Amino acid sequence: MKSYKQFINENLSDDKVSVFKFESYTLILSHNPCDIFTYYNVEEMHGLNLEDCKNYNNTSQDAYIAGLCNFIPKPDNNYKNGDPKFLFINLSRCTDDIKTFGLIMHELMHQSFDVHNDDLSKEEEIITWAELEAYKVFEIVKKKNTI
């Protein structure tokens, strides 16, 4: 079995977009928020669209998408629980450790609600799962931002 460090190093590259497959989601990293649309070859998804993204003044302080956790786009837009999900992190918004970890934790809370079937009686499990995943993603983001 591969170690977590081997997993990161095998999937990390200096390519424009880095992709990591986790059990309950696909992690996608890029410095350009519009790459999430081109990665999935769609013009729009979940109320957002590529044209608006391209026209937005994306900076390290403000972006059309800082992070996004949602269903992998389907042509029919007919989503149901259990459909595969993605987590996108816009690396240009990862300007310091606090902002980076906050962004990652925020997006993983969305995913954790899904993993735990929106069962609020599992509040501690929901938060703990997101926190533990955030440590993993944070390590990957830190390595990616140093390439």
Protein backbone atom coordinates (compact mmCIF):
# COMPACT_ATOMS: atom_id res chain seq x y z
CA MET A 1 0.00 0.00 0.00
CA LYS A 2 1.27 3.46 -0.89
CA SER A 3 1.98 6.00 1.80
CA TYR A 4 0.13 9.30 1.77
CA LYS A 5 3.36 11.10 0.81
CA GLN A 6 3.83 8.75 -2.18
CA PHE A 7 0.23 9.46 -3.23
CA ILE A 8 0.85 13.21 -3.16
CA ASN A 9 4.15 13.03 -5.02
CA GLU A 10 2.75 10.75 -7.74
CA ASN A 11 -0.19 13.07 -8.41
CA LEU A 12 1.50 16.43 -7.97
CA SER A 13 2.89 18.05 -11.06
CA ASP A 14 3.72 21.48 -12.38
CA ASP A 15 0.82 21.18 -14.84
CA LYS A 16 -1.82 23.89 -14.93
CA VAL A 17 -4.35 21.64 -13.17
CA SER A 18 -3.58 18.96 -10.57
CA VAL A 19 -6.11 16.25 -9.82
CA PHE A 20 -6.26 13.87 -6.87
CA LYS A 21 -8.86 11.13 -6.49
CA PHE A 22 -10.07 10.61 -2.94
CA GLU A 23 -12.69 8.14 -1.75
CA SER A 24 -15.60 10.60 -1.64
CA TYR A 25 -14.46 13.37 -4.00
CA THR A 26 -12.00 14.46 -6.66
CA LEU A 27 -9.67 17.28 -5.60
CA ILE A 28 -8.85 19.75 -8.39
CA LEU A 29 -6.24 22.48 -7.94
CA SER A 30 -5.45 25.37 -10.25
CA HIS A 31 -4.40 29.01 -10.14
CA ASN A 32 -7.16 29.91 -12.60
CA PRO A 33 -10.78 29.59 -11.44
CA CYS A 34 -11.95 29.10 -15.04
CA ASP A 35 -10.00 25.84 -15.26
CA ILE A 36 -12.79 24.00 -13.43
CA PHE A 37 -15.03 24.59 -16.47
CA THR A 38 -12.41 23.51 -18.99
CA TYR A 39 -11.46 20.48 -16.89
CA TYR A 40 -15.03 19.20 -17.08
CA ASN A 41 -15.52 20.60 -20.62
CA VAL A 42 -18.64 22.58 -19.70
CA GLU A 43 -19.76 26.17 -20.25
CA GLU A 44 -21.78 26.26 -17.04
CA MET A 45 -22.34 24.33 -13.85
CA HIS A 46 -24.26 24.82 -10.63
CA GLY A 47 -25.33 28.39 -11.44
CA LEU A 48 -21.86 29.51 -12.54
CA ASN A 49 -20.60 29.96 -16.09
CA LEU A 50 -17.32 30.10 -17.96
CA GLU A 51 -17.99 33.42 -19.71
CA ASP A 52 -18.62 35.26 -16.42
CA CYS A 53 -15.50 33.64 -14.98
CA LYS A 54 -13.38 34.82 -17.91
CA ASN A 55 -14.77 38.35 -17.62
CA TYR A 56 -14.26 38.55 -13.85
CA ASN A 57 -11.18 40.39 -12.57
CA ASN A 58 -9.69 37.35 -10.82
CA THR A 59 -6.97 38.30 -8.35
CA SER A 60 -5.39 36.90 -5.20
CA GLN A 61 -7.87 39.01 -3.19
CA ASP A 62 -11.06 38.37 -5.16
CA ALA A 63 -12.11 35.70 -7.63
CA TYR A 64 -15.15 34.37 -9.42
CA ILE A 65 -14.45 31.08 -7.63
CA ALA A 66 -12.18 30.80 -4.60
CA GLY A 67 -13.28 27.25 -3.88
CA LEU A 68 -16.16 25.04 -4.90
CA CYS A 69 -17.46 21.70 -3.70
CA ASN A 70 -20.29 20.21 -5.72
CA PHE A 71 -21.42 17.38 -7.97
CA ILE A 72 -19.32 16.52 -11.00
CA PRO A 73 -21.27 18.13 -13.88
CA LYS A 74 -23.73 15.94 -15.77
CA PRO A 75 -25.35 16.87 -19.10
CA ASP A 76 -28.87 16.43 -17.72
CA ASN A 77 -28.16 18.35 -14.47
CA ASN A 78 -30.14 15.65 -12.68
CA TYR A 79 -28.21 15.07 -9.46
CA LYS A 80 -28.96 12.71 -6.61
CA ASN A 81 -27.28 11.74 -3.36
CA GLY A 82 -24.34 9.49 -4.02
CA ASP A 83 -23.38 11.08 -7.35
CA PRO A 84 -19.64 11.80 -7.53
CA LYS A 85 -18.45 15.16 -6.22
CA PHE A 86 -15.44 17.40 -6.69
CA LEU A 87 -13.58 19.91 -4.57
CA PHE A 88 -11.92 22.77 -6.47
CA ILE A 89 -9.40 25.08 -4.83
CA ASN A 90 -8.25 28.23 -6.62
CA LEU A 91 -4.57 28.33 -5.66
CA SER A 92 -4.28 32.03 -6.43
CA ARG A 93 -6.45 32.64 -3.35
CA CYS A 94 -4.08 30.61 -1.16
CA THR A 95 -1.94 33.58 -0.15
CA ASP A 96 -1.11 32.57 3.43
CA ASP A 97 -1.64 29.57 5.69
CA ILE A 98 -4.64 30.99 7.54
CA LYS A 99 -6.60 31.95 4.42
CA THR A 100 -5.62 28.69 2.72
CA PHE A 101 -6.72 26.48 5.60
CA GLY A 102 -9.92 28.48 6.07
CA LEU A 103 -10.84 28.10 2.39
CA ILE A 104 -10.11 24.37 2.42
CA MET A 105 -12.02 23.80 5.66
CA HIS A 106 -14.99 25.80 4.37
CA GLU A 107 -15.28 23.70 1.21
CA LEU A 108 -14.72 20.42 3.02
CA MET A 109 -17.54 21.22 5.43
CA HIS A 110 -19.86 21.14 2.42
CA GLN A 111 -18.46 17.74 1.47
CA SER A 112 -18.68 16.47 5.03
CA PHE A 113 -22.40 17.24 5.21
CA ASP A 114 -22.81 15.09 2.10
CA VAL A 115 -20.63 12.28 3.48
CA HIS A 116 -22.74 12.27 6.65
CA ASN A 117 -26.08 12.51 4.80
CA ASP A 118 -26.83 15.96 6.24
CA ASP A 119 -27.45 14.28 9.61
CA LEU A 120 -26.98 17.15 12.06
CA SER A 121 -27.09 14.73 14.98
CA LYS A 122 -23.58 13.79 13.79
CA GLU A 123 -22.28 17.32 14.30
CA GLU A 124 -18.98 16.25 15.88
CA GLU A 125 -18.33 13.63 13.20
CA ILE A 126 -19.11 16.15 10.45
CA ILE A 127 -16.66 18.71 11.82
CA THR A 128 -13.96 16.15 12.62
CA TRP A 129 -14.14 14.55 9.17
CA ALA A 130 -13.78 17.96 7.49
CA GLU A 131 -10.88 18.88 9.77
CA LEU A 132 -8.97 15.65 9.10
CA GLU A 133 -9.51 15.94 5.35
CA ALA A 134 -8.47 19.61 5.48
CA TYR A 135 -5.07 18.62 6.90
CA LYS A 136 -4.52 16.29 3.91
CA VAL A 137 -5.64 18.84 1.33
CA PHE A 138 -3.65 21.61 3.02
CA GLU A 139 -0.47 19.54 2.71
CA ILE A 140 -1.12 19.01 -0.99
CA VAL A 141 -1.88 22.71 -1.59
CA LYS A 142 1.29 23.76 0.22
CA LYS A 143 3.37 21.45 -1.99
CA LYS A 144 1.58 22.56 -5.15
CA ASN A 145 2.14 26.24 -4.38
CA THR A 146 5.88 25.63 -4.03
CA ILE A 147 6.33 24.05 -7.50
